[in-house]
Protein backbone atom coordinates (compact mmCIF):
# COMPACT_ATOMS: atom_id res chain seq x y z
CA MET A 1 45.42 152.79 111.24
CA VAL A 2 45.25 152.12 107.59
CA SER A 3 46.43 148.32 108.02
CA PHE A 4 46.31 145.74 110.61
CA PRO A 5 50.15 145.20 111.47
CA SER A 6 51.04 141.53 112.15
CA HIS A 7 51.51 142.67 115.88
CA LEU A 8 48.49 143.66 116.70
CA VAL A 9 46.59 140.94 114.79
CA ARG A 10 48.84 138.53 117.21
CA ALA A 11 48.00 140.71 120.45
CA VAL A 12 44.29 140.08 119.57
CA ALA A 13 44.61 136.45 119.09
CA LEU A 14 46.58 136.38 122.05
CA VAL A 15 43.58 138.23 124.13
CA ALA A 16 40.97 135.78 122.35
CA CYS A 17 42.81 132.79 123.70
CA GLY A 18 43.37 133.77 127.27
CA LEU A 19 46.96 134.29 127.04
CA VAL A 20 46.90 137.76 128.01
CA LEU A 21 44.36 139.16 130.49
CA VAL A 22 46.00 141.85 132.45
CA VAL A 23 49.16 143.69 131.86
CA THR A 24 50.42 144.01 134.97
CA PRO A 25 54.02 143.41 136.15
CA ALA A 26 52.68 141.23 138.68
CA ALA A 27 50.81 139.21 135.97
CA THR A 28 53.46 138.84 133.62
CA GLN A 29 55.90 137.44 136.13
CA ASP A 30 53.22 134.86 137.29
CA ARG A 31 52.21 133.66 133.81
CA PRO A 32 54.41 131.72 131.56
CA ALA A 33 55.54 132.92 128.07
CA ALA A 34 52.80 132.26 125.56
CA ASP A 35 54.01 129.39 122.99
CA PRO A 36 54.90 131.07 119.81
CA ALA A 37 53.39 127.82 117.87
CA ARG A 38 50.22 127.76 119.31
CA VAL A 39 49.71 131.66 118.58
CA ASP A 40 50.89 130.99 114.70
CA ALA A 41 48.35 128.21 114.99
CA LEU A 42 45.60 130.14 116.34
CA ILE A 43 45.95 132.94 114.03
CA GLY A 44 46.27 130.56 111.08
CA ALA A 45 42.72 129.52 112.19
CA MET A 46 41.29 132.87 112.34
CA PHE A 47 41.93 133.88 108.77
CA GLN A 48 41.39 130.75 106.95
CA ARG A 49 38.36 132.34 104.89
CA VAL A 50 40.41 135.41 103.60
CA SER A 51 42.22 135.87 100.39
CA PRO A 52 45.83 134.44 100.23
CA GLU A 53 47.01 138.28 100.53
CA TRP A 54 45.22 139.03 103.64
CA ARG A 55 46.57 135.68 104.90
CA ALA A 56 50.19 136.60 104.17
CA ARG A 57 49.66 139.44 106.52
CA THR A 58 49.56 137.37 109.36
CA GLU A 59 52.83 135.64 108.78
CA LEU A 60 55.69 137.86 110.47
CA ASP A 61 58.37 138.94 108.75
CA PRO A 62 62.09 138.52 109.93
CA THR A 63 62.12 142.01 111.63
CA GLN A 64 58.40 141.56 113.16
CA ARG A 65 59.68 138.49 114.13
CA THR A 66 62.38 139.57 116.13
CA CYS A 67 60.43 142.13 117.53
CA THR A 68 57.47 140.03 118.81
CA ASP A 69 60.09 137.75 120.22
CA ARG A 70 61.95 140.53 122.23
CA ARG A 71 58.90 142.06 123.06
CA ASN A 72 60.09 145.14 121.23
CA GLN A 73 63.56 144.99 123.61
CA VAL A 74 66.45 144.18 121.39
CA SER A 75 69.95 144.42 121.34
CA ALA A 76 72.29 146.69 119.75
CA ALA A 77 73.05 144.17 117.57
CA GLU A 78 69.64 143.11 116.65
CA ALA A 79 68.69 146.95 116.46
CA ASP A 80 71.72 147.26 113.82
CA ALA A 81 70.78 144.02 111.83
CA ILE A 82 66.85 144.79 111.71
CA GLN A 83 68.06 148.71 110.69
CA ALA A 84 70.37 147.79 107.78
CA ARG A 85 67.84 145.27 106.91
CA GLU A 86 64.76 147.90 106.67
CA ARG A 87 67.52 150.58 105.05
CA ALA A 88 67.77 148.21 102.07
CA SER A 89 63.93 148.68 101.04
CA VAL A 90 64.16 152.70 101.30
CA VAL A 91 63.63 154.19 97.61
CA LEU A 92 64.43 157.77 97.57
CA PRO A 93 62.45 159.85 94.99
CA PRO A 94 64.00 159.64 91.52
CA ASP A 95 64.17 163.21 90.99
CA GLY A 96 65.80 163.99 94.23
CA ASN A 97 63.16 166.25 95.57
CA PHE A 98 61.66 165.46 98.47
CA LEU A 99 59.05 168.13 99.18
CA GLY A 100 55.34 167.58 97.34
CA ASP A 101 52.13 169.27 97.70
CA TRP A 102 51.27 170.36 101.06
CA ARG A 103 47.72 170.54 100.60
CA LYS A 104 47.71 166.89 99.30
CA GLY A 105 49.58 166.23 102.54
CA PHE A 106 46.97 167.44 104.59
CA GLN A 107 44.39 164.97 102.58
CA VAL A 108 47.05 162.15 102.80
CA ALA A 109 47.52 162.41 106.72
CA ASN A 110 43.64 163.11 107.00
CA ASN A 111 42.81 159.74 105.17
CA GLY A 112 42.24 156.72 107.11
CA ARG A 113 40.93 154.77 104.48
CA GLY A 114 42.84 151.75 102.81
CA PHE A 115 43.76 148.21 103.36
CA GLN A 116 40.47 147.51 105.16
CA PHE A 117 38.07 144.61 104.73
CA SER A 118 35.33 147.00 103.85
CA ASP A 119 37.00 148.79 101.38
CA PRO A 120 35.99 148.77 97.77
CA ALA A 121 38.29 147.69 94.96
CA GLY A 122 41.21 150.74 94.03
CA THR A 123 40.55 152.61 97.51
CA VAL A 124 43.34 155.35 97.62
CA ALA A 125 45.26 154.49 101.12
CA GLY A 126 46.24 157.44 102.97
CA GLY A 127 48.50 157.78 106.39
CA ASN A 128 45.77 158.60 109.00
CA CYS A 129 48.53 160.71 110.57
CA TYR A 130 46.42 162.40 112.74
CA ALA A 131 45.20 159.18 114.32
CA CYS A 132 48.71 159.55 116.30
CA HIS A 133 50.19 162.90 115.75
CA GLN A 134 48.80 166.62 116.55
CA MET A 135 50.11 168.37 113.25
CA ASP A 136 48.02 171.36 112.46
CA PRO A 137 47.88 173.54 115.79
CA LYS A 138 44.48 174.87 115.17
CA GLU A 139 43.28 171.01 114.57
CA VAL A 140 41.96 169.82 117.94
CA SER A 141 40.77 165.96 116.92
CA TYR A 142 44.33 164.24 116.90
CA GLY A 143 45.89 161.31 118.67
CA THR A 144 48.46 161.26 121.10
CA LEU A 145 50.41 157.93 120.58
CA GLY A 146 53.10 159.76 118.79
CA PRO A 147 54.64 163.21 119.41
CA SER A 148 53.28 166.31 118.40
CA LEU A 149 54.25 167.52 114.90
CA ALA A 150 52.97 170.93 115.12
CA GLY A 151 55.36 173.39 114.04
CA TYR A 152 57.92 170.66 112.70
CA GLY A 153 59.64 172.66 109.66
CA ARG A 154 59.65 175.60 111.65
CA ASP A 155 61.14 174.38 114.51
CA ARG A 156 63.75 172.36 112.89
CA ASN A 157 64.75 175.73 110.62
CA TYR A 158 63.27 173.80 107.19
CA ASP A 159 66.57 171.81 107.44
CA PRO A 160 67.22 169.72 104.07
CA GLU A 161 69.11 167.24 105.82
CA LEU A 162 66.47 166.47 108.17
CA ILE A 163 63.99 166.56 105.27
CA ARG A 164 65.76 163.68 103.86
CA ASP A 165 66.00 161.59 107.24
CA VAL A 166 62.38 162.18 107.78
CA TYR A 167 61.39 160.66 104.27
CA ILE A 168 63.30 157.85 105.16
CA LYS A 169 61.53 157.61 108.52
CA ILE A 170 58.00 157.93 106.81
CA PHE A 171 59.13 155.37 104.12
CA ASN A 172 60.36 152.87 106.55
CA ALA A 173 60.64 153.70 110.64
CA GLN A 174 62.21 150.41 110.98
CA ALA A 175 65.37 151.86 108.97
CA VAL A 176 65.64 154.13 111.74
CA VAL A 177 64.22 153.08 114.66
CA ALA A 178 64.32 149.48 115.35
CA CYS A 179 61.00 148.12 116.41
CA SER A 180 59.13 151.06 116.07
CA ASN A 181 55.53 151.40 116.33
CA MET A 182 55.30 153.14 113.32
CA PRO A 183 54.03 151.49 110.22
CA ARG A 184 56.24 151.21 107.10
CA PHE A 185 54.28 153.25 104.62
CA GLY A 186 56.86 152.81 102.11
CA SER A 187 58.34 149.67 102.33
CA SER A 188 54.24 148.06 103.07
CA LYS A 189 53.08 149.94 99.95
CA VAL A 190 50.80 151.80 101.82
CA LEU A 191 51.72 155.05 100.52
CA THR A 192 53.41 155.85 97.05
CA ILE A 193 56.29 157.83 97.03
CA ASP A 194 54.56 160.99 96.04
CA GLN A 195 52.15 160.60 98.74
CA ILE A 196 54.97 160.94 101.50
CA LYS A 197 56.68 163.38 99.39
CA ASP A 198 53.06 165.46 100.25
CA VAL A 199 53.46 164.50 103.92
CA LEU A 200 56.78 165.67 104.00
CA ALA A 201 55.88 169.19 102.64
CA TYR A 202 52.77 169.31 104.74
CA LEU A 203 55.38 168.92 107.68
CA PHE A 204 58.37 171.23 105.57
CA ASP A 205 56.71 173.94 103.43
CA ARG A 206 56.60 177.26 105.03
CA GLN A 207 53.13 177.75 104.22
CA SER A 208 51.64 174.79 105.64
CA PRO A 209 49.52 175.35 108.33
CA VAL A 210 51.63 172.94 110.50
CA ASN A 211 54.19 175.81 111.02
CA GLN A 212 52.10 178.44 111.64
CA PRO A 213 51.50 180.04 114.83
């Protein structure tokens, strides 16, 4: 992905210190839970030489803390609290228009750069959507971590109300599904509002290759 979510950083840290070796039901039953304070200390030690900005990314915010502590199995009350808190961060397009240019959306969906150590200053981040989703049905290279989005707008009759909902999900997936694995593209300032609108057009524009047979 375009950045390293804190929970992934922590997963790497757990493996690094031998706290997680094999993920099997038997293993999880036999091994004691990792001490959160020890994990925090290890991660802090791993990122001592990076910039304060990068170091800040290793610190869990309240939503990440809850999802990490619960291993994403939050209660209904916790899910409601997460979604309400994250929904407050969502910024809707000031002009009320949710659709941009699908051609630019294609570029955003295919761009995996941004928020990497090797990126030069000023690098425009992309959404790297194809890393997890099929979109254009003719594209042969895509990830399967997320569901296929081929024919997304066409299959939903280009519903305007749904377009708004999808905008919110891209802006902050946690506002829709607590402990979602999808990055919080808008709230984390990975993508701009205009970039999100372009991705929405890629999904919902009738001329977009996503909606072609």
